[in-house]
C-alpha cells in the first residue's frame, strides 16, 4: 500500500495524554506507522536523546532551516522555544513505506492539516482544565510558572478542537487508546 502524503496528527493541550496515546499507536502498528521526530530549540530533558525524541537545534540553525523552507510547519510554542516538523523527516518515513505519526502542538497540526488535507487529525481532549493542571503538576517536569503558561495556552487551544477530524475525550486512557486505534485502523485501510 502506498502511504505517500498520508499523515496522522495527534494534537492536544500539554498534559492531555497525546504522548501516551502516540506510544500506544506505535506499538499497535509498528510496520505501518513511524514517529515523526520534531525539531526543537529547547534543551533536552533528562533521558531525551537527539535524533530519537527531538532534533535539538540551536536557535540559529532553526532560523536557517526556516529560511531554507525546510519545515512543513514550525511554531514558537512557548516564549523563545521553537518546534517544527521537517519536510525531510516526513519524506524519510514515507520512503520506508510508513505513515508519519506526529505528536504535535495544536497550531502546528492545523498548518499540517491545511497542507495535507487527507491527513487524519485527532484532537485529544482533557476531562477538564483542572485535571490538566493536576496532570502537569504530577508529571513533575515543569516549574510552576511553566505550568501556569501551559494551562493558559491549553484554554486557548481547546477552542480549536473542531478543526480536526475527531475529538477523543481522555478521561480514561485505556478507552482513549482503544478509540484512537480504531480510528487509525480505518484510516490506514482507506
N, C-alpha and C. Protein backbone atom coordinates (compact mmCIF):
# COMPACT_ATOMS: atom_id res chain seq x y z
N UNK A 1 0.84 -1.19 0.00
CA UNK A 1 0.00 0.00 0.00
C UNK A 1 0.88 1.25 0.00
N UNK A 2 0.52 2.24 -0.76
CA UNK A 2 1.29 3.49 -0.84
C UNK A 2 0.75 4.47 0.21
N UNK A 3 1.65 4.95 1.06
CA UNK A 3 1.25 5.87 2.13
C UNK A 3 1.69 7.30 1.86
N UNK A 4 2.31 7.57 0.70
CA UNK A 4 2.81 8.91 0.40
C UNK A 4 1.73 9.97 0.67
N UNK A 5 2.11 10.98 1.41
CA UNK A 5 1.26 12.12 1.78
C UNK A 5 0.18 11.80 2.82
N UNK A 6 0.12 10.57 3.33
CA UNK A 6 -0.77 10.29 4.45
C UNK A 6 -0.02 10.63 5.73
N UNK A 7 -0.71 11.26 6.64
CA UNK A 7 -0.13 11.66 7.93
C UNK A 7 -1.20 11.47 9.00
N UNK A 8 -0.76 11.06 10.19
CA UNK A 8 -1.66 11.02 11.34
C UNK A 8 -1.17 12.07 12.32
N UNK A 9 -2.08 12.97 12.69
CA UNK A 9 -1.77 14.06 13.62
C UNK A 9 -2.45 13.80 14.95
N UNK A 10 -1.67 13.76 16.01
CA UNK A 10 -2.23 13.72 17.36
C UNK A 10 -1.89 15.05 18.00
N UNK A 11 -2.92 15.76 18.41
CA UNK A 11 -2.69 17.07 19.00
C UNK A 11 -3.56 17.23 20.23
N UNK A 12 -3.11 18.09 21.12
CA UNK A 12 -3.83 18.32 22.38
C UNK A 12 -3.07 19.37 23.18
N UNK A 13 -3.75 19.97 24.12
CA UNK A 13 -3.00 20.80 25.07
C UNK A 13 -2.02 19.93 25.84
N UNK A 14 -0.92 20.52 26.26
CA UNK A 14 0.10 19.81 27.03
C UNK A 14 -0.54 19.15 28.27
N UNK A 15 -0.25 17.87 28.47
CA UNK A 15 -0.78 17.15 29.63
C UNK A 15 -2.07 16.40 29.36
N UNK A 16 -2.54 16.39 28.12
CA UNK A 16 -3.81 15.74 27.79
C UNK A 16 -3.67 14.25 27.53
N UNK A 17 -2.44 13.77 27.35
CA UNK A 17 -2.22 12.35 27.12
C UNK A 17 -1.84 11.98 25.70
N UNK A 18 -1.51 12.97 24.87
CA UNK A 18 -1.21 12.64 23.48
C UNK A 18 0.04 11.80 23.33
N UNK A 19 1.04 12.02 24.17
CA UNK A 19 2.27 11.23 24.07
C UNK A 19 2.01 9.77 24.46
N UNK A 20 1.19 9.54 25.47
CA UNK A 20 0.83 8.17 25.86
C UNK A 20 0.07 7.47 24.75
N UNK A 21 -0.85 8.18 24.12
CA UNK A 21 -1.63 7.60 23.02
C UNK A 21 -0.74 7.38 21.80
N UNK A 22 0.19 8.30 21.55
CA UNK A 22 1.15 8.13 20.46
C UNK A 22 1.95 6.84 20.65
N UNK A 23 2.48 6.64 21.84
CA UNK A 23 3.27 5.42 22.12
C UNK A 23 2.43 4.16 21.90
N UNK A 24 1.20 4.20 22.36
CA UNK A 24 0.29 3.06 22.20
C UNK A 24 0.08 2.74 20.71
N UNK A 25 -0.19 3.76 19.91
CA UNK A 25 -0.42 3.55 18.48
C UNK A 25 0.83 3.00 17.77
N UNK A 26 1.99 3.49 18.16
CA UNK A 26 3.24 3.00 17.56
C UNK A 26 3.46 1.52 17.89
N UNK A 27 3.06 1.12 19.10
CA UNK A 27 3.16 -0.30 19.49
C UNK A 27 2.15 -1.15 18.71
N UNK A 28 0.97 -0.61 18.47
CA UNK A 28 -0.09 -1.35 17.75
C UNK A 28 0.22 -1.53 16.27
N UNK A 29 0.89 -0.55 15.67
CA UNK A 29 1.13 -0.56 14.22
C UNK A 29 2.61 -0.35 13.90
N UNK A 30 3.50 -1.21 14.40
CA UNK A 30 4.94 -0.96 14.22
C UNK A 30 5.41 -0.98 12.77
N UNK A 31 4.71 -1.70 11.90
CA UNK A 31 5.13 -1.76 10.49
C UNK A 31 4.49 -0.69 9.63
N UNK A 32 3.41 -0.10 10.13
CA UNK A 32 2.67 0.86 9.32
C UNK A 32 2.91 2.32 9.72
N UNK A 33 3.20 2.56 10.99
CA UNK A 33 3.40 3.93 11.48
C UNK A 33 4.84 4.12 11.93
N UNK A 34 5.32 5.35 11.80
CA UNK A 34 6.62 5.73 12.34
C UNK A 34 6.50 7.10 12.99
N UNK A 35 7.15 7.25 14.12
CA UNK A 35 7.12 8.52 14.85
C UNK A 35 7.90 9.57 14.09
N UNK A 36 7.25 10.70 13.85
CA UNK A 36 7.90 11.84 13.21
C UNK A 36 8.60 12.64 14.29
N UNK A 37 9.92 12.69 14.20
CA UNK A 37 10.71 13.39 15.21
C UNK A 37 10.70 14.89 14.89
N UNK A 38 10.23 15.67 15.85
CA UNK A 38 10.16 17.12 15.68
C UNK A 38 11.52 17.76 15.96
N UNK A 39 11.73 18.92 15.39
CA UNK A 39 12.88 19.75 15.71
C UNK A 39 12.47 20.70 16.83
N UNK A 40 13.40 21.01 17.73
CA UNK A 40 13.11 21.91 18.85
C UNK A 40 14.34 22.70 19.23
N UNK A 41 14.10 23.92 19.71
CA UNK A 41 15.22 24.75 20.17
C UNK A 41 15.42 24.65 21.67
N UNK A 42 14.53 23.98 22.37
CA UNK A 42 14.70 23.86 23.81
C UNK A 42 15.77 22.82 24.12
N UNK A 43 16.37 22.91 25.32
CA UNK A 43 17.38 21.90 25.67
C UNK A 43 16.71 20.55 25.98
N UNK A 44 17.43 19.46 25.80
CA UNK A 44 16.85 18.15 26.12
C UNK A 44 16.53 18.02 27.61
N UNK A 45 15.43 17.34 27.89
CA UNK A 45 15.12 16.97 29.26
C UNK A 45 15.92 15.72 29.60
N UNK A 46 15.95 15.39 30.88
CA UNK A 46 16.66 14.19 31.31
C UNK A 46 16.16 12.98 30.52
N UNK A 47 17.07 12.19 30.03
CA UNK A 47 16.81 10.95 29.26
C UNK A 47 16.40 11.18 27.81
N UNK A 48 16.19 12.43 27.37
CA UNK A 48 15.87 12.68 25.96
C UNK A 48 17.14 12.62 25.13
N UNK A 49 17.01 12.04 23.93
CA UNK A 49 18.16 11.89 23.05
C UNK A 49 17.91 12.57 21.71
N UNK A 50 18.95 13.25 21.22
CA UNK A 50 18.88 13.91 19.92
C UNK A 50 18.70 12.86 18.83
N UNK A 51 17.77 13.13 17.91
CA UNK A 51 17.53 12.21 16.81
C UNK A 51 16.59 11.07 17.17
N UNK A 52 16.17 10.99 18.42
CA UNK A 52 15.21 9.97 18.85
C UNK A 52 13.95 10.64 19.40
N UNK A 53 14.14 11.54 20.37
CA UNK A 53 12.99 12.26 20.95
C UNK A 53 12.71 13.54 20.17
N UNK A 54 13.76 14.27 19.84
CA UNK A 54 13.69 15.50 19.05
C UNK A 54 15.00 15.63 18.29
N UNK A 55 14.98 16.51 17.29
CA UNK A 55 16.22 17.02 16.72
C UNK A 55 16.45 18.33 17.44
N UNK A 56 17.39 18.35 18.36
CA UNK A 56 17.65 19.55 19.15
C UNK A 56 18.55 20.48 18.34
N UNK A 57 18.03 21.66 18.00
CA UNK A 57 18.73 22.62 17.18
C UNK A 57 18.96 23.91 17.96
N UNK A 58 20.03 24.60 17.60
CA UNK A 58 20.22 25.94 18.15
C UNK A 58 19.21 26.87 17.49
N UNK A 59 18.97 28.02 18.10
CA UNK A 59 18.06 28.99 17.50
C UNK A 59 18.56 29.40 16.12
N UNK A 60 19.87 29.56 15.99
CA UNK A 60 20.46 29.95 14.70
C UNK A 60 20.21 28.88 13.63
N UNK A 61 20.44 27.61 13.97
CA UNK A 61 20.21 26.53 13.00
C UNK A 61 18.73 26.42 12.64
N UNK A 62 17.87 26.63 13.61
CA UNK A 62 16.43 26.59 13.36
C UNK A 62 16.05 27.70 12.36
N UNK A 63 16.58 28.90 12.59
CA UNK A 63 16.30 30.03 11.69
C UNK A 63 16.80 29.78 10.27
N UNK A 64 17.94 29.14 10.16
CA UNK A 64 18.47 28.80 8.83
C UNK A 64 17.49 27.87 8.12
N UNK A 65 16.98 26.88 8.83
CA UNK A 65 16.03 25.92 8.24
C UNK A 65 14.71 26.62 7.86
N UNK A 66 14.31 27.62 8.63
CA UNK A 66 13.11 28.40 8.26
C UNK A 66 13.36 29.09 6.92
N UNK A 67 14.51 29.75 6.80
CA UNK A 67 14.84 30.47 5.56
C UNK A 67 14.96 29.52 4.37
N UNK A 68 15.39 28.29 4.63
CA UNK A 68 15.54 27.29 3.56
C UNK A 68 14.21 26.60 3.23
N UNK A 69 13.13 26.99 3.92
CA UNK A 69 11.81 26.37 3.73
C UNK A 69 11.87 24.85 3.99
N UNK A 70 12.62 24.48 5.02
CA UNK A 70 12.83 23.06 5.34
C UNK A 70 11.72 22.48 6.21
N UNK A 71 10.82 23.33 6.71
CA UNK A 71 9.77 22.85 7.62
C UNK A 71 8.42 22.73 6.91
N UNK A 72 7.69 21.66 7.24
CA UNK A 72 6.28 21.55 6.84
C UNK A 72 5.47 22.50 7.71
N UNK A 73 5.93 22.68 8.94
CA UNK A 73 5.32 23.64 9.87
C UNK A 73 6.35 23.94 10.94
N UNK A 74 6.24 25.11 11.52
CA UNK A 74 7.04 25.47 12.68
C UNK A 74 6.28 26.52 13.48
N UNK A 75 6.61 26.60 14.73
CA UNK A 75 5.86 27.49 15.62
C UNK A 75 6.72 27.84 16.82
N UNK A 76 6.59 29.07 17.31
CA UNK A 76 7.15 29.37 18.61
C UNK A 76 6.06 28.96 19.59
N UNK A 77 6.23 27.79 20.18
CA UNK A 77 5.19 27.20 21.02
C UNK A 77 5.15 27.89 22.38
N UNK A 78 6.30 28.11 22.96
CA UNK A 78 6.42 28.86 24.21
C UNK A 78 7.48 29.91 23.99
N UNK A 79 7.49 30.95 24.79
CA UNK A 79 8.37 32.09 24.60
C UNK A 79 9.81 31.65 24.33
N UNK A 80 10.28 31.91 23.13
CA UNK A 80 11.66 31.60 22.76
C UNK A 80 11.92 30.14 22.45
N UNK A 81 10.91 29.29 22.53
CA UNK A 81 11.09 27.86 22.26
C UNK A 81 10.34 27.50 20.98
N UNK A 82 11.11 27.15 19.97
CA UNK A 82 10.55 26.83 18.66
C UNK A 82 10.50 25.32 18.46
N UNK A 83 9.45 24.89 17.80
CA UNK A 83 9.28 23.48 17.43
C UNK A 83 8.86 23.45 15.96
N UNK A 84 9.20 22.37 15.27
CA UNK A 84 8.78 22.26 13.89
C UNK A 84 8.90 20.84 13.37
N UNK A 85 8.22 20.61 12.25
CA UNK A 85 8.27 19.32 11.56
C UNK A 85 9.05 19.52 10.27
N UNK A 86 10.16 18.84 10.17
CA UNK A 86 11.00 18.94 8.97
C UNK A 86 10.38 18.14 7.83
N UNK A 87 10.36 18.75 6.65
CA UNK A 87 9.87 18.04 5.46
C UNK A 87 10.68 16.77 5.22
N UNK A 88 11.97 16.85 5.48
CA UNK A 88 12.85 15.69 5.28
C UNK A 88 12.47 14.53 6.22
N UNK A 89 11.94 14.85 7.37
CA UNK A 89 11.50 13.82 8.31
C UNK A 89 10.27 13.09 7.79
N UNK A 90 9.33 13.84 7.24
CA UNK A 90 8.14 13.20 6.64
C UNK A 90 8.56 12.30 5.48
N UNK A 91 9.45 12.83 4.63
CA UNK A 91 9.90 12.05 3.47
C UNK A 91 10.66 10.80 3.91
N UNK A 92 11.45 10.91 4.97
CA UNK A 92 12.20 9.74 5.48
C UNK A 92 11.23 8.60 5.81
N UNK A 93 10.11 8.95 6.42
CA UNK A 93 9.12 7.93 6.83
C UNK A 93 8.38 7.40 5.61
N UNK A 94 7.96 8.27 4.72
CA UNK A 94 7.28 7.81 3.50
C UNK A 94 8.20 6.89 2.68
N UNK A 95 9.48 7.20 2.66
CA UNK A 95 10.43 6.36 1.91
C UNK A 95 10.50 4.94 2.49
N UNK A 96 10.17 4.79 3.76
CA UNK A 96 10.14 3.47 4.40
C UNK A 96 8.77 2.80 4.23
N UNK A 97 7.90 3.41 3.40
CA UNK A 97 6.54 2.90 3.16
C UNK A 97 5.74 2.84 4.46
N UNK A 98 5.87 3.91 5.26
CA UNK A 98 5.11 4.03 6.50
C UNK A 98 4.41 5.39 6.53
N UNK A 99 3.51 5.52 7.49
CA UNK A 99 2.77 6.77 7.69
C UNK A 99 3.39 7.52 8.87
N UNK A 100 3.75 8.79 8.68
CA UNK A 100 4.27 9.57 9.81
C UNK A 100 3.17 9.81 10.85
N UNK A 101 3.52 9.60 12.10
CA UNK A 101 2.64 9.89 13.23
C UNK A 101 3.25 11.09 13.95
N UNK A 102 2.53 12.21 13.92
CA UNK A 102 3.03 13.44 14.52
C UNK A 102 2.34 13.69 15.85
N UNK A 103 3.12 13.82 16.90
CA UNK A 103 2.68 14.24 18.22
C UNK A 103 3.04 15.73 18.24
N UNK A 104 2.04 16.60 18.05
CA UNK A 104 2.32 17.97 17.64
C UNK A 104 1.39 18.96 18.34
N UNK A 105 1.84 20.19 18.50
CA UNK A 105 1.01 21.22 19.12
C UNK A 105 -0.15 21.58 18.18
N UNK A 106 -1.16 22.23 18.74
CA UNK A 106 -2.41 22.47 18.03
C UNK A 106 -2.21 23.34 16.78
N UNK A 107 -1.50 24.45 16.90
CA UNK A 107 -1.31 25.32 15.73
C UNK A 107 -0.53 24.61 14.63
N UNK A 108 0.50 23.88 15.02
CA UNK A 108 1.28 23.13 14.04
C UNK A 108 0.43 22.10 13.32
N UNK A 109 -0.44 21.43 14.07
CA UNK A 109 -1.32 20.42 13.47
C UNK A 109 -2.28 21.05 12.46
N UNK A 110 -2.77 22.24 12.78
CA UNK A 110 -3.67 22.94 11.84
C UNK A 110 -2.91 23.26 10.55
N UNK A 111 -1.65 23.71 10.66
CA UNK A 111 -0.85 24.01 9.46
C UNK A 111 -0.64 22.76 8.61
N UNK A 112 -0.30 21.65 9.26
CA UNK A 112 -0.07 20.41 8.51
C UNK A 112 -1.36 19.93 7.86
N UNK A 113 -2.47 20.03 8.59
CA UNK A 113 -3.77 19.58 8.07
C UNK A 113 -4.14 20.39 6.81
N UNK A 114 -3.81 21.69 6.79
CA UNK A 114 -4.10 22.51 5.61
C UNK A 114 -3.26 22.06 4.41
N UNK A 115 -2.00 21.71 4.64
CA UNK A 115 -1.12 21.27 3.55
C UNK A 115 -1.43 19.85 3.09
N UNK A 116 -1.87 19.01 4.02
CA UNK A 116 -2.15 17.61 3.73
C UNK A 116 -3.57 17.30 4.21
N UNK A 117 -4.58 17.77 3.46
CA UNK A 117 -5.97 17.61 3.93
C UNK A 117 -6.41 16.15 4.07
N UNK A 118 -5.69 15.23 3.42
CA UNK A 118 -6.03 13.83 3.55
C UNK A 118 -5.50 13.22 4.85
N UNK A 119 -4.83 14.03 5.68
CA UNK A 119 -4.33 13.57 6.98
C UNK A 119 -5.48 13.25 7.92
N UNK A 120 -5.19 12.40 8.89
CA UNK A 120 -6.13 12.11 9.96
C UNK A 120 -5.73 12.97 11.16
N UNK A 121 -6.62 13.87 11.57
CA UNK A 121 -6.35 14.75 12.70
C UNK A 121 -7.15 14.33 13.92
N UNK A 122 -6.45 13.94 14.99
CA UNK A 122 -7.10 13.54 16.24
C UNK A 122 -6.76 14.55 17.33
N UNK A 123 -7.78 15.15 17.91
CA UNK A 123 -7.61 16.10 19.00
C UNK A 123 -7.91 15.37 20.30
N UNK A 124 -6.93 15.32 21.21
CA UNK A 124 -7.11 14.65 22.50
C UNK A 124 -7.58 15.70 23.51
N UNK A 125 -8.75 15.46 24.04
CA UNK A 125 -9.42 16.41 24.94
C UNK A 125 -9.25 15.97 26.40
N UNK A 126 -8.72 16.85 27.24
CA UNK A 126 -8.64 16.50 28.67
C UNK A 126 -10.05 16.57 29.29
N UNK A 127 -10.29 15.84 30.39
CA UNK A 127 -11.61 15.89 31.02
C UNK A 127 -11.99 17.30 31.49
N UNK A 128 -10.98 18.07 31.92
CA UNK A 128 -11.21 19.45 32.37
C UNK A 128 -9.86 20.17 32.46
N UNK A 129 -9.92 21.48 32.55
CA UNK A 129 -8.69 22.25 32.70
C UNK A 129 -8.06 21.97 34.06
N UNK A 130 -8.89 21.78 35.10
CA UNK A 130 -8.35 21.45 36.43
C UNK A 130 -7.61 20.12 36.42
N UNK A 131 -8.16 19.13 35.71
CA UNK A 131 -7.50 17.82 35.61
C UNK A 131 -6.19 17.96 34.83
N UNK A 132 -6.20 18.78 33.81
CA UNK A 132 -5.00 19.04 33.02
C UNK A 132 -3.90 19.62 33.92
N UNK A 133 -4.28 20.59 34.73
CA UNK A 133 -3.34 21.23 35.65
C UNK A 133 -2.77 20.20 36.63
N UNK A 134 -3.64 19.33 37.15
CA UNK A 134 -3.21 18.29 38.09
C UNK A 134 -2.20 17.36 37.41
N UNK A 135 -2.47 16.96 36.16
CA UNK A 135 -1.57 16.07 35.43
C UNK A 135 -0.20 16.71 35.22
N UNK A 136 -0.20 18.01 34.89
CA UNK A 136 1.06 18.70 34.67
C UNK A 136 1.89 18.75 35.96
N UNK A 137 1.23 19.00 37.09
CA UNK A 137 1.95 19.01 38.37
C UNK A 137 2.47 17.62 38.71
N UNK A 138 1.66 16.60 38.47
CA UNK A 138 2.03 15.22 38.78
C UNK A 138 3.22 14.77 37.94
N UNK A 139 3.29 15.24 36.70
CA UNK A 139 4.38 14.88 35.79
C UNK A 139 5.73 15.31 36.36
N UNK A 140 5.73 16.45 37.05
CA UNK A 140 6.94 16.91 37.74
C UNK A 140 8.08 17.36 36.84
N UNK A 141 7.80 17.77 35.61
CA UNK A 141 8.87 18.18 34.69
C UNK A 141 8.92 19.69 34.47
N UNK A 142 7.93 20.42 35.00
CA UNK A 142 7.84 21.85 34.71
C UNK A 142 7.76 22.67 36.00
N UNK A 143 8.23 23.91 35.90
CA UNK A 143 8.13 24.85 37.02
C UNK A 143 6.68 25.33 37.16
N UNK A 144 6.37 25.94 38.30
CA UNK A 144 5.02 26.50 38.50
C UNK A 144 4.69 27.52 37.40
N UNK A 145 5.67 28.35 37.06
CA UNK A 145 5.47 29.36 36.02
C UNK A 145 5.17 28.71 34.67
N UNK A 146 5.92 27.66 34.35
CA UNK A 146 5.71 26.94 33.10
C UNK A 146 4.33 26.28 33.08
N UNK A 147 3.92 25.72 34.19
CA UNK A 147 2.59 25.08 34.26
C UNK A 147 1.49 26.12 34.07
N UNK A 148 1.64 27.28 34.69
CA UNK A 148 0.64 28.36 34.50
C UNK A 148 0.54 28.74 33.03
N UNK A 149 1.70 28.86 32.36
CA UNK A 149 1.71 29.22 30.93
C UNK A 149 1.05 28.12 30.11
N UNK A 150 1.31 26.86 30.45
CA UNK A 150 0.73 25.73 29.71
C UNK A 150 -0.78 25.66 29.90
N UNK A 151 -1.25 25.93 31.11
CA UNK A 151 -2.69 25.90 31.39
C UNK A 151 -3.39 27.04 30.64
N UNK A 152 -2.80 28.22 30.66
CA UNK A 152 -3.40 29.35 29.91
C UNK A 152 -3.44 29.04 28.42
N UNK A 153 -2.37 28.46 27.91
CA UNK A 153 -2.33 28.11 26.50
C UNK A 153 -3.36 27.02 26.20
N UNK A 154 -3.53 26.07 27.11
CA UNK A 154 -4.50 24.98 26.92
C UNK A 154 -5.91 25.52 26.75
N UNK A 155 -6.26 26.51 27.54
CA UNK A 155 -7.60 27.10 27.44
C UNK A 155 -7.84 27.64 26.03
N UNK A 156 -6.82 28.27 25.48
CA UNK A 156 -6.89 28.80 24.11
C UNK A 156 -6.95 27.66 23.09
N UNK A 157 -6.08 26.66 23.26
CA UNK A 157 -6.00 25.56 22.29
C UNK A 157 -7.30 24.75 22.21
N UNK A 158 -8.00 24.64 23.32
CA UNK A 158 -9.25 23.88 23.33
C UNK A 158 -10.27 24.46 22.35
N UNK A 159 -10.16 25.74 22.05
CA UNK A 159 -11.11 26.38 21.13
C UNK A 159 -10.91 25.92 19.68
N UNK A 160 -9.81 25.20 19.38
CA UNK A 160 -9.54 24.76 18.02
C UNK A 160 -9.90 23.30 17.77
N UNK A 161 -10.51 22.65 18.74
CA UNK A 161 -10.77 21.21 18.61
C UNK A 161 -11.60 20.86 17.38
N UNK A 162 -12.47 21.77 16.95
CA UNK A 162 -13.34 21.48 15.81
C UNK A 162 -12.62 21.54 14.46
N UNK A 163 -11.33 21.88 14.46
CA UNK A 163 -10.55 21.89 13.22
C UNK A 163 -10.07 20.48 12.84
N UNK A 164 -10.35 19.50 13.69
CA UNK A 164 -9.80 18.17 13.50
C UNK A 164 -10.90 17.16 13.19
N UNK A 165 -10.50 16.02 12.66
CA UNK A 165 -11.46 15.00 12.22
C UNK A 165 -12.22 14.37 13.37
N UNK A 166 -11.52 14.17 14.50
CA UNK A 166 -12.15 13.52 15.65
C UNK A 166 -11.62 14.14 16.93
N UNK A 167 -12.50 14.25 17.92
CA UNK A 167 -12.12 14.69 19.26
C UNK A 167 -12.28 13.49 20.17
N UNK A 168 -11.17 13.11 20.84
CA UNK A 168 -11.19 11.97 21.76
C UNK A 168 -11.09 12.49 23.19
N UNK A 169 -12.09 12.23 23.99
CA UNK A 169 -12.05 12.62 25.40
C UNK A 169 -11.14 11.64 26.14
N UNK A 170 -10.12 12.15 26.79
CA UNK A 170 -9.22 11.29 27.55
C UNK A 170 -9.52 11.42 29.04
N UNK A 171 -10.67 10.86 29.44
CA UNK A 171 -10.96 10.77 30.87
C UNK A 171 -10.60 9.37 31.37
N UNK A 172 -10.32 8.46 30.44
CA UNK A 172 -9.88 7.10 30.73
C UNK A 172 -8.89 6.74 29.62
N UNK A 173 -7.61 6.67 29.97
CA UNK A 173 -6.56 6.50 28.97
C UNK A 173 -6.76 5.23 28.14
N UNK A 174 -7.14 4.14 28.77
CA UNK A 174 -7.33 2.89 28.04
C UNK A 174 -8.42 3.02 26.97
N UNK A 175 -9.54 3.64 27.34
CA UNK A 175 -10.63 3.84 26.37
C UNK A 175 -10.19 4.77 25.24
N UNK A 176 -9.46 5.83 25.59
CA UNK A 176 -8.99 6.77 24.56
C UNK A 176 -8.03 6.08 23.60
N UNK A 177 -7.18 5.21 24.11
CA UNK A 177 -6.23 4.48 23.26
C UNK A 177 -6.98 3.54 22.31
N UNK A 178 -7.96 2.83 22.83
CA UNK A 178 -8.72 1.88 22.00
C UNK A 178 -9.47 2.62 20.90
N UNK A 179 -10.06 3.78 21.23
CA UNK A 179 -10.77 4.56 20.22
C UNK A 179 -9.80 5.10 19.17
N UNK A 180 -8.63 5.58 19.61
CA UNK A 180 -7.62 6.07 18.67
C UNK A 180 -7.18 4.94 17.74
N UNK A 181 -6.99 3.75 18.28
CA UNK A 181 -6.58 2.60 17.47
C UNK A 181 -7.64 2.30 16.40
N UNK A 182 -8.90 2.32 16.77
CA UNK A 182 -9.99 2.05 15.82
C UNK A 182 -9.96 3.08 14.67
N UNK A 183 -9.81 4.35 15.03
CA UNK A 183 -9.79 5.41 14.01
C UNK A 183 -8.58 5.27 13.08
N UNK A 184 -7.43 4.93 13.65
CA UNK A 184 -6.21 4.77 12.85
C UNK A 184 -6.33 3.55 11.94
N UNK A 185 -6.89 2.46 12.44
CA UNK A 185 -7.11 1.26 11.60
C UNK A 185 -7.94 1.61 10.37
N UNK A 186 -9.02 2.35 10.60
CA UNK A 186 -9.88 2.77 9.49
C UNK A 186 -9.13 3.64 8.50
N UNK A 187 -8.32 4.55 9.01
CA UNK A 187 -7.55 5.47 8.15
C UNK A 187 -6.51 4.71 7.32
N UNK A 188 -5.81 3.78 7.95
CA UNK A 188 -4.77 3.01 7.26
C UNK A 188 -5.39 2.21 6.11
N UNK A 189 -6.56 1.63 6.35
CA UNK A 189 -7.17 0.76 5.34
C UNK A 189 -7.94 1.54 4.28
N UNK A 190 -8.09 2.86 4.45
CA UNK A 190 -8.87 3.64 3.48
C UNK A 190 -8.06 3.99 2.24
